[in-house]
Amino acid sequence: MQRRLVERELTEEGPLRRGGARGKPRTVTVNLAESPLSWLHARGHIDDRLFDAGERLRADYERAQLGACVTMRWDPVRVKSTGDTGLTPGERQIAARARFNGALREAGKGLQDILWRVVCAGEGLPEAEKGLGWPARSGKLVLRLALDRVADFYRIG
């Protein structure tokens, strides 16, 4: 799903109707289904190796069912299994949790926060930086360091 956003400056009286070069407001198309990690990868800010590491971490996070639940669910989560053949659903969940915890441990104490916020919680870099009290534009570098360590953990070459 895509939504068009129009950029306007707000004043006390309401939005200021200034346009671009031709007097029209600038518009931006935003893909609401795109994750922050996909956004960074599509624009060349992270390479394929780091993107794959982030996707593996997110998949383990979802397989381990570590996200918050609003209510009790009785149905199992249907996740395509790629290497856990012969394991019960509960064993696959435990294995995914162990891999997720191991990847975060490999990333290191100072890098886990940005990694979890962007990859698992789906926060954008500006929101994650603000939430962590970091300076603007510092999150991308730290995220790349964290993803590099996670790629080493998952042995992504």
N, C-alpha and C. Protein backbone atom coordinates (compact mmCIF):
# COMPACT_ATOMS: atom_id res chain seq x y z
N MET A 1 0.84 -1.17 0.00
CA MET A 1 0.00 0.00 0.00
C MET A 1 0.89 1.24 0.00
N GLN A 2 0.57 2.19 -0.83
CA GLN A 2 1.35 3.41 -0.89
C GLN A 2 0.45 4.60 -0.60
N ARG A 3 1.04 5.60 0.02
CA ARG A 3 0.31 6.81 0.37
C ARG A 3 1.13 8.00 -0.08
N ARG A 4 0.49 9.00 -0.64
CA ARG A 4 1.19 10.21 -1.06
C ARG A 4 1.15 11.20 0.08
N LEU A 5 2.29 11.76 0.39
CA LEU A 5 2.38 12.77 1.43
C LEU A 5 2.78 14.08 0.79
N VAL A 6 2.19 15.16 1.27
CA VAL A 6 2.53 16.48 0.76
C VAL A 6 3.30 17.21 1.84
N GLU A 7 4.43 17.78 1.48
CA GLU A 7 5.29 18.47 2.43
C GLU A 7 4.82 19.92 2.55
N ARG A 8 4.47 20.35 3.77
CA ARG A 8 4.04 21.71 4.02
C ARG A 8 4.63 22.19 5.33
N GLU A 9 4.95 23.46 5.38
CA GLU A 9 5.45 24.06 6.59
C GLU A 9 4.26 24.53 7.42
N LEU A 10 4.26 24.23 8.72
CA LEU A 10 3.15 24.63 9.58
C LEU A 10 3.45 25.97 10.24
N THR A 11 2.43 26.80 10.29
CA THR A 11 2.51 28.05 11.03
C THR A 11 1.40 28.05 12.07
N GLU A 12 1.30 29.09 12.86
CA GLU A 12 0.23 29.15 13.87
C GLU A 12 -1.14 29.21 13.22
N GLU A 13 -1.22 29.78 12.01
CA GLU A 13 -2.50 29.90 11.32
C GLU A 13 -2.87 28.63 10.55
N GLY A 14 -1.93 27.73 10.38
CA GLY A 14 -2.17 26.50 9.63
C GLY A 14 -1.03 26.25 8.67
N PRO A 15 -1.24 25.34 7.70
CA PRO A 15 -0.16 25.04 6.77
C PRO A 15 0.14 26.21 5.84
N LEU A 16 1.39 26.46 5.61
CA LEU A 16 1.84 27.52 4.72
C LEU A 16 1.83 26.95 3.30
N ARG A 17 1.21 27.62 2.40
CA ARG A 17 1.06 27.12 1.03
C ARG A 17 2.17 27.65 0.14
N ARG A 18 3.36 27.17 0.39
CA ARG A 18 4.50 27.50 -0.47
C ARG A 18 4.80 26.30 -1.31
N GLY A 19 5.17 26.53 -2.50
CA GLY A 19 5.45 25.41 -3.38
C GLY A 19 6.91 25.28 -3.70
N GLY A 20 7.16 24.37 -4.60
CA GLY A 20 8.52 24.18 -5.09
C GLY A 20 8.85 25.24 -6.12
N ALA A 21 9.59 24.86 -7.13
CA ALA A 21 10.03 25.82 -8.15
C ALA A 21 8.86 26.38 -8.94
N ARG A 22 7.81 25.62 -9.11
CA ARG A 22 6.67 26.08 -9.90
C ARG A 22 5.48 26.49 -9.04
N GLY A 23 5.66 26.60 -7.75
CA GLY A 23 4.57 27.01 -6.87
C GLY A 23 3.69 25.87 -6.39
N LYS A 24 4.01 24.63 -6.77
CA LYS A 24 3.23 23.48 -6.33
C LYS A 24 3.92 22.83 -5.14
N PRO A 25 3.15 22.29 -4.20
CA PRO A 25 3.80 21.59 -3.09
C PRO A 25 4.50 20.33 -3.58
N ARG A 26 5.63 20.01 -2.94
CA ARG A 26 6.34 18.79 -3.28
C ARG A 26 5.58 17.61 -2.71
N THR A 27 5.54 16.51 -3.42
CA THR A 27 4.89 15.29 -2.94
C THR A 27 5.92 14.19 -2.81
N VAL A 28 5.68 13.30 -1.87
CA VAL A 28 6.56 12.17 -1.61
C VAL A 28 5.68 10.93 -1.53
N THR A 29 6.09 9.85 -2.19
CA THR A 29 5.37 8.60 -2.11
C THR A 29 6.04 7.71 -1.08
N VAL A 30 5.25 7.20 -0.14
CA VAL A 30 5.77 6.38 0.94
C VAL A 30 5.12 5.01 0.85
N ASN A 31 5.92 3.96 0.83
CA ASN A 31 5.42 2.59 0.84
C ASN A 31 5.29 2.15 2.30
N LEU A 32 4.06 2.05 2.78
CA LEU A 32 3.84 1.73 4.19
C LEU A 32 4.19 0.29 4.53
N ALA A 33 4.29 -0.58 3.52
CA ALA A 33 4.63 -1.98 3.77
C ALA A 33 6.14 -2.21 3.79
N GLU A 34 6.93 -1.20 3.46
CA GLU A 34 8.38 -1.36 3.39
C GLU A 34 8.99 -1.20 4.78
N SER A 35 9.85 -2.14 5.14
CA SER A 35 10.51 -2.06 6.44
C SER A 35 11.65 -1.06 6.37
N PRO A 36 12.09 -0.52 7.51
CA PRO A 36 13.23 0.38 7.51
C PRO A 36 14.49 -0.27 6.94
N LEU A 37 14.67 -1.55 7.19
CA LEU A 37 15.83 -2.26 6.66
C LEU A 37 15.76 -2.37 5.14
N SER A 38 14.57 -2.66 4.61
CA SER A 38 14.39 -2.72 3.15
C SER A 38 14.62 -1.35 2.53
N TRP A 39 14.19 -0.31 3.22
CA TRP A 39 14.38 1.05 2.71
C TRP A 39 15.87 1.36 2.59
N LEU A 40 16.64 1.02 3.62
CA LEU A 40 18.08 1.26 3.60
C LEU A 40 18.76 0.46 2.49
N HIS A 41 18.33 -0.78 2.31
CA HIS A 41 18.92 -1.65 1.29
C HIS A 41 18.58 -1.15 -0.12
N ALA A 42 17.34 -0.75 -0.33
CA ALA A 42 16.92 -0.30 -1.65
C ALA A 42 17.65 0.96 -2.09
N ARG A 43 18.08 1.76 -1.14
CA ARG A 43 18.77 3.00 -1.48
C ARG A 43 20.29 2.90 -1.37
N GLY A 44 20.80 1.68 -1.20
CA GLY A 44 22.24 1.45 -1.22
C GLY A 44 22.97 1.82 0.06
N HIS A 45 22.24 2.00 1.17
CA HIS A 45 22.90 2.34 2.43
C HIS A 45 23.48 1.12 3.14
N ILE A 46 22.92 -0.06 2.85
CA ILE A 46 23.49 -1.31 3.37
C ILE A 46 23.58 -2.29 2.21
N ASP A 47 24.58 -3.16 2.24
CA ASP A 47 24.76 -4.10 1.14
C ASP A 47 23.92 -5.36 1.37
N ASP A 48 24.02 -6.28 0.40
CA ASP A 48 23.21 -7.51 0.45
C ASP A 48 23.52 -8.35 1.69
N ARG A 49 24.78 -8.42 2.07
CA ARG A 49 25.19 -9.23 3.24
C ARG A 49 24.53 -8.72 4.51
N LEU A 50 24.55 -7.41 4.72
CA LEU A 50 23.94 -6.84 5.92
C LEU A 50 22.43 -6.96 5.89
N PHE A 51 21.84 -6.80 4.71
CA PHE A 51 20.39 -6.96 4.58
C PHE A 51 19.97 -8.38 4.91
N ASP A 52 20.70 -9.36 4.37
CA ASP A 52 20.39 -10.77 4.64
C ASP A 52 20.52 -11.08 6.13
N ALA A 53 21.53 -10.51 6.77
CA ALA A 53 21.70 -10.74 8.21
C ALA A 53 20.52 -10.17 8.99
N GLY A 54 20.09 -8.98 8.61
CA GLY A 54 18.93 -8.38 9.28
C GLY A 54 17.65 -9.18 9.06
N GLU A 55 17.49 -9.69 7.85
CA GLU A 55 16.29 -10.50 7.57
C GLU A 55 16.32 -11.82 8.33
N ARG A 56 17.50 -12.43 8.46
CA ARG A 56 17.61 -13.67 9.25
C ARG A 56 17.28 -13.41 10.72
N LEU A 57 17.77 -12.27 11.23
CA LEU A 57 17.49 -11.92 12.62
C LEU A 57 15.99 -11.69 12.82
N ARG A 58 15.37 -10.96 11.90
CA ARG A 58 13.94 -10.70 12.00
C ARG A 58 13.13 -11.99 11.89
N ALA A 59 13.55 -12.89 11.00
CA ALA A 59 12.86 -14.18 10.86
C ALA A 59 12.95 -15.00 12.16
N ASP A 60 14.12 -15.01 12.79
CA ASP A 60 14.26 -15.73 14.06
C ASP A 60 13.42 -15.07 15.14
N TYR A 61 13.34 -13.76 15.14
CA TYR A 61 12.52 -13.03 16.10
C TYR A 61 11.05 -13.44 15.95
N GLU A 62 10.59 -13.53 14.70
CA GLU A 62 9.20 -13.91 14.46
C GLU A 62 8.96 -15.39 14.73
N ARG A 63 9.90 -16.26 14.37
CA ARG A 63 9.75 -17.69 14.64
C ARG A 63 9.71 -17.97 16.14
N ALA A 64 10.49 -17.21 16.89
CA ALA A 64 10.53 -17.40 18.34
C ALA A 64 9.32 -16.78 19.02
N GLN A 65 8.51 -16.06 18.27
CA GLN A 65 7.29 -15.41 18.78
C GLN A 65 7.62 -14.52 19.97
N LEU A 66 8.62 -13.67 19.79
CA LEU A 66 9.06 -12.79 20.87
C LEU A 66 8.30 -11.47 20.92
N GLY A 67 7.51 -11.19 19.90
CA GLY A 67 6.73 -9.94 19.89
C GLY A 67 5.64 -9.96 20.94
N ALA A 68 5.18 -8.79 21.29
CA ALA A 68 4.13 -8.67 22.30
C ALA A 68 2.80 -9.20 21.77
N CYS A 69 2.06 -9.87 22.62
CA CYS A 69 0.73 -10.36 22.27
C CYS A 69 -0.31 -9.53 23.00
N VAL A 70 -1.37 -9.20 22.30
CA VAL A 70 -2.44 -8.42 22.91
C VAL A 70 -3.40 -9.34 23.64
N THR A 71 -3.60 -10.51 23.11
CA THR A 71 -4.52 -11.48 23.70
C THR A 71 -3.94 -12.88 23.50
N MET A 72 -4.53 -13.84 24.11
CA MET A 72 -4.03 -15.20 23.98
C MET A 72 -4.40 -15.76 22.61
N ARG A 73 -3.44 -16.39 21.98
CA ARG A 73 -3.68 -17.03 20.69
C ARG A 73 -3.54 -18.53 20.86
N TRP A 74 -4.47 -19.26 20.31
CA TRP A 74 -4.42 -20.71 20.40
C TRP A 74 -3.90 -21.34 19.12
N ASP A 75 -3.86 -20.57 18.04
CA ASP A 75 -3.39 -21.14 16.79
C ASP A 75 -1.88 -20.95 16.66
N PRO A 76 -1.20 -21.95 16.09
CA PRO A 76 0.26 -21.81 15.93
C PRO A 76 0.58 -20.81 14.83
N VAL A 77 1.73 -20.17 14.94
CA VAL A 77 2.17 -19.26 13.90
C VAL A 77 2.70 -20.09 12.75
N ARG A 78 2.27 -19.78 11.55
CA ARG A 78 2.70 -20.52 10.38
C ARG A 78 3.89 -19.79 9.75
N VAL A 79 5.08 -20.35 9.97
CA VAL A 79 6.31 -19.80 9.43
C VAL A 79 6.96 -20.88 8.60
N LYS A 80 7.35 -20.53 7.38
CA LYS A 80 8.02 -21.50 6.52
C LYS A 80 9.33 -21.94 7.15
N SER A 81 9.52 -23.21 7.27
CA SER A 81 10.74 -23.74 7.85
C SER A 81 11.74 -24.04 6.75
N THR A 82 13.01 -23.64 6.97
CA THR A 82 14.01 -23.88 5.94
C THR A 82 15.11 -24.83 6.38
N GLY A 83 15.34 -24.99 7.66
CA GLY A 83 16.44 -25.87 8.05
C GLY A 83 16.15 -26.64 9.31
N ASP A 84 14.94 -26.54 9.81
CA ASP A 84 14.60 -27.16 11.08
C ASP A 84 13.76 -28.42 10.86
N THR A 85 14.08 -29.21 9.88
CA THR A 85 13.29 -30.40 9.60
C THR A 85 13.46 -31.40 10.73
N GLY A 86 12.39 -32.08 11.05
CA GLY A 86 12.42 -33.08 12.10
C GLY A 86 12.18 -32.52 13.49
N LEU A 87 11.98 -31.24 13.63
CA LEU A 87 11.73 -30.64 14.94
C LEU A 87 10.25 -30.33 15.09
N THR A 88 9.77 -30.42 16.29
CA THR A 88 8.38 -30.05 16.57
C THR A 88 8.28 -28.52 16.54
N PRO A 89 7.06 -27.97 16.43
CA PRO A 89 6.92 -26.52 16.44
C PRO A 89 7.52 -25.86 17.69
N GLY A 90 7.38 -26.50 18.83
CA GLY A 90 7.95 -25.95 20.05
C GLY A 90 9.47 -25.95 20.03
N GLU A 91 10.05 -27.03 19.48
CA GLU A 91 11.51 -27.09 19.37
C GLU A 91 12.04 -26.06 18.38
N ARG A 92 11.29 -25.83 17.27
CA ARG A 92 11.70 -24.80 16.31
C ARG A 92 11.66 -23.42 16.94
N GLN A 93 10.66 -23.18 17.78
CA GLN A 93 10.55 -21.89 18.47
C GLN A 93 11.72 -21.70 19.44
N ILE A 94 12.07 -22.74 20.17
CA ILE A 94 13.19 -22.66 21.11
C ILE A 94 14.51 -22.46 20.37
N ALA A 95 14.68 -23.16 19.24
CA ALA A 95 15.90 -23.00 18.45
C ALA A 95 16.01 -21.59 17.88
N ALA A 96 14.89 -21.03 17.42
CA ALA A 96 14.89 -19.67 16.88
C ALA A 96 15.23 -18.66 17.98
N ARG A 97 14.70 -18.89 19.16
CA ARG A 97 15.01 -17.98 20.28
C ARG A 97 16.49 -18.05 20.64
N ALA A 98 17.06 -19.26 20.61
CA ALA A 98 18.48 -19.40 20.92
C ALA A 98 19.34 -18.70 19.86
N ARG A 99 18.96 -18.83 18.58
CA ARG A 99 19.70 -18.14 17.52
C ARG A 99 19.56 -16.63 17.66
N PHE A 100 18.36 -16.16 17.96
CA PHE A 100 18.12 -14.72 18.13
C PHE A 100 18.96 -14.17 19.28
N ASN A 101 18.93 -14.85 20.42
CA ASN A 101 19.72 -14.40 21.57
C ASN A 101 21.22 -14.45 21.27
N GLY A 102 21.65 -15.47 20.55
CA GLY A 102 23.05 -15.57 20.18
C GLY A 102 23.48 -14.46 19.24
N ALA A 103 22.61 -14.11 18.29
CA ALA A 103 22.93 -13.02 17.36
C ALA A 103 23.02 -11.69 18.09
N LEU A 104 22.11 -11.44 19.03
CA LEU A 104 22.17 -10.20 19.80
C LEU A 104 23.41 -10.16 20.69
N ARG A 105 23.76 -11.31 21.25
CA ARG A 105 24.96 -11.38 22.08
C ARG A 105 26.21 -11.09 21.23
N GLU A 106 26.22 -11.61 20.01
CA GLU A 106 27.34 -11.38 19.10
C GLU A 106 27.43 -9.90 18.69
N ALA A 107 26.29 -9.24 18.56
CA ALA A 107 26.28 -7.82 18.18
C ALA A 107 26.94 -6.98 19.27
N GLY A 108 26.72 -7.35 20.51
CA GLY A 108 27.34 -6.61 21.61
C GLY A 108 26.35 -5.72 22.33
N LYS A 109 26.72 -5.36 23.53
CA LYS A 109 25.81 -4.64 24.43
C LYS A 109 25.40 -3.27 23.88
N GLY A 110 26.32 -2.51 23.34
CA GLY A 110 25.99 -1.18 22.87
C GLY A 110 25.27 -1.14 21.55
N LEU A 111 25.25 -2.26 20.82
CA LEU A 111 24.66 -2.29 19.49
C LEU A 111 23.30 -2.99 19.43
N GLN A 112 22.94 -3.67 20.51
CA GLN A 112 21.70 -4.43 20.51
C GLN A 112 20.46 -3.54 20.39
N ASP A 113 20.51 -2.37 21.01
CA ASP A 113 19.33 -1.51 21.05
C ASP A 113 18.91 -1.06 19.66
N ILE A 114 19.83 -0.52 18.90
CA ILE A 114 19.49 -0.02 17.56
C ILE A 114 19.11 -1.18 16.65
N LEU A 115 19.77 -2.32 16.82
CA LEU A 115 19.47 -3.50 16.03
C LEU A 115 18.04 -3.97 16.26
N TRP A 116 17.65 -4.08 17.52
CA TRP A 116 16.29 -4.53 17.82
C TRP A 116 15.26 -3.51 17.35
N ARG A 117 15.51 -2.25 17.59
CA ARG A 117 14.52 -1.22 17.23
C ARG A 117 14.26 -1.17 15.73
N VAL A 118 15.32 -1.22 14.93
CA VAL A 118 15.15 -1.07 13.48
C VAL A 118 14.73 -2.37 12.82
N VAL A 119 15.41 -3.47 13.15
CA VAL A 119 15.16 -4.74 12.47
C VAL A 119 13.90 -5.43 12.99
N CYS A 120 13.74 -5.52 14.29
CA CYS A 120 12.62 -6.29 14.85
C CYS A 120 11.37 -5.45 15.10
N ALA A 121 11.54 -4.27 15.68
CA ALA A 121 10.38 -3.44 16.00
C ALA A 121 9.94 -2.60 14.81
N GLY A 122 10.77 -2.47 13.79
CA GLY A 122 10.39 -1.75 12.59
C GLY A 122 10.40 -0.23 12.72
N GLU A 123 11.16 0.29 13.67
CA GLU A 123 11.28 1.74 13.82
C GLU A 123 12.21 2.28 12.74
N GLY A 124 11.93 3.47 12.28
CA GLY A 124 12.83 4.13 11.36
C GLY A 124 14.07 4.61 12.11
N LEU A 125 15.13 4.88 11.37
CA LEU A 125 16.36 5.34 12.01
C LEU A 125 16.19 6.63 12.80
N PRO A 126 15.47 7.64 12.28
CA PRO A 126 15.30 8.86 13.08
C PRO A 126 14.58 8.62 14.41
N GLU A 127 13.56 7.77 14.38
CA GLU A 127 12.82 7.47 15.61
C GLU A 127 13.69 6.70 16.59
N ALA A 128 14.46 5.74 16.07
CA ALA A 128 15.34 4.95 16.94
C ALA A 128 16.42 5.83 17.57
N GLU A 129 17.01 6.72 16.78
CA GLU A 129 18.03 7.62 17.31
C GLU A 129 17.45 8.52 18.40
N LYS A 130 16.26 9.02 18.14
CA LYS A 130 15.61 9.90 19.12
C LYS A 130 15.27 9.13 20.40
N GLY A 131 14.76 7.91 20.24
CA GLY A 131 14.41 7.09 21.39
C GLY A 131 15.61 6.71 22.24
N LEU A 132 16.77 6.56 21.60
CA LEU A 132 17.99 6.20 22.32
C LEU A 132 18.77 7.41 22.80
N GLY A 133 18.32 8.61 22.41
CA GLY A 133 19.01 9.83 22.82
C GLY A 133 20.31 10.04 22.07
N TRP A 134 20.41 9.53 20.86
CA TRP A 134 21.61 9.66 20.05
C TRP A 134 21.54 10.88 19.17
N PRO A 135 22.68 11.39 18.70
CA PRO A 135 22.66 12.49 17.74
C PRO A 135 22.05 12.04 16.41
N ALA A 136 21.48 12.97 15.68
CA ALA A 136 20.89 12.66 14.38
C ALA A 136 21.97 12.11 13.44
N ARG A 137 21.58 11.17 12.61
CA ARG A 137 22.43 10.56 11.59
C ARG A 137 23.55 9.68 12.14
N SER A 138 23.48 9.30 13.38
CA SER A 138 24.50 8.40 13.93
C SER A 138 24.05 6.94 13.89
N GLY A 139 22.75 6.71 13.76
CA GLY A 139 22.21 5.36 13.83
C GLY A 139 22.61 4.47 12.67
N LYS A 140 22.77 5.05 11.48
CA LYS A 140 23.08 4.24 10.31
C LYS A 140 24.44 3.55 10.46
N LEU A 141 25.42 4.28 10.94
CA LEU A 141 26.75 3.71 11.14
C LEU A 141 26.73 2.61 12.20
N VAL A 142 26.06 2.88 13.31
CA VAL A 142 25.99 1.90 14.39
C VAL A 142 25.21 0.67 13.94
N LEU A 143 24.13 0.87 13.19
CA LEU A 143 23.35 -0.25 12.68
C LEU A 143 24.19 -1.11 11.74
N ARG A 144 24.99 -0.49 10.90
CA ARG A 144 25.85 -1.25 10.00
C ARG A 144 26.87 -2.09 10.77
N LEU A 145 27.44 -1.53 11.83
CA LEU A 145 28.36 -2.31 12.66
C LEU A 145 27.65 -3.51 13.29
N ALA A 146 26.45 -3.28 13.81
CA ALA A 146 25.69 -4.36 14.44
C ALA A 146 25.33 -5.44 13.43
N LEU A 147 24.87 -5.03 12.24
CA LEU A 147 24.50 -6.01 11.21
C LEU A 147 25.72 -6.79 10.72
N ASP A 148 26.87 -6.17 10.70
CA ASP A 148 28.10 -6.87 10.30
C ASP A 148 28.41 -7.98 11.29
N ARG A 149 28.26 -7.71 12.56
CA ARG A 149 28.50 -8.76 13.58
C ARG A 149 27.46 -9.86 13.50
N VAL A 150 26.21 -9.49 13.23
CA VAL A 150 25.14 -10.49 13.09
C VAL A 150 25.39 -11.36 11.85
N ALA A 151 25.88 -10.76 10.78
CA ALA A 151 26.21 -11.53 9.57
C ALA A 151 27.33 -12.53 9.89
N ASP A 152 28.29 -12.13 10.69
CA ASP A 152 29.33 -13.09 11.10
C ASP A 152 28.73 -14.22 11.91
N PHE A 153 27.78 -13.89 12.80
CA PHE A 153 27.14 -14.92 13.61
C PHE A 153 26.40 -15.95 12.73
N TYR A 154 25.65 -15.44 11.74
CA TYR A 154 24.90 -16.33 10.85
C TYR A 154 25.76 -16.94 9.74
N ARG A 155 27.04 -16.57 9.70
CA ARG A 155 28.00 -17.05 8.70
C ARG A 155 27.55 -16.72 7.28
N ILE A 156 27.13 -15.48 7.13
CA ILE A 156 26.74 -14.99 5.80
C ILE A 156 27.96 -14.37 5.18
N GLY A 157 28.38 -14.90 4.06
CA GLY A 157 29.62 -14.47 3.42
C GLY A 157 29.39 -13.36 2.51
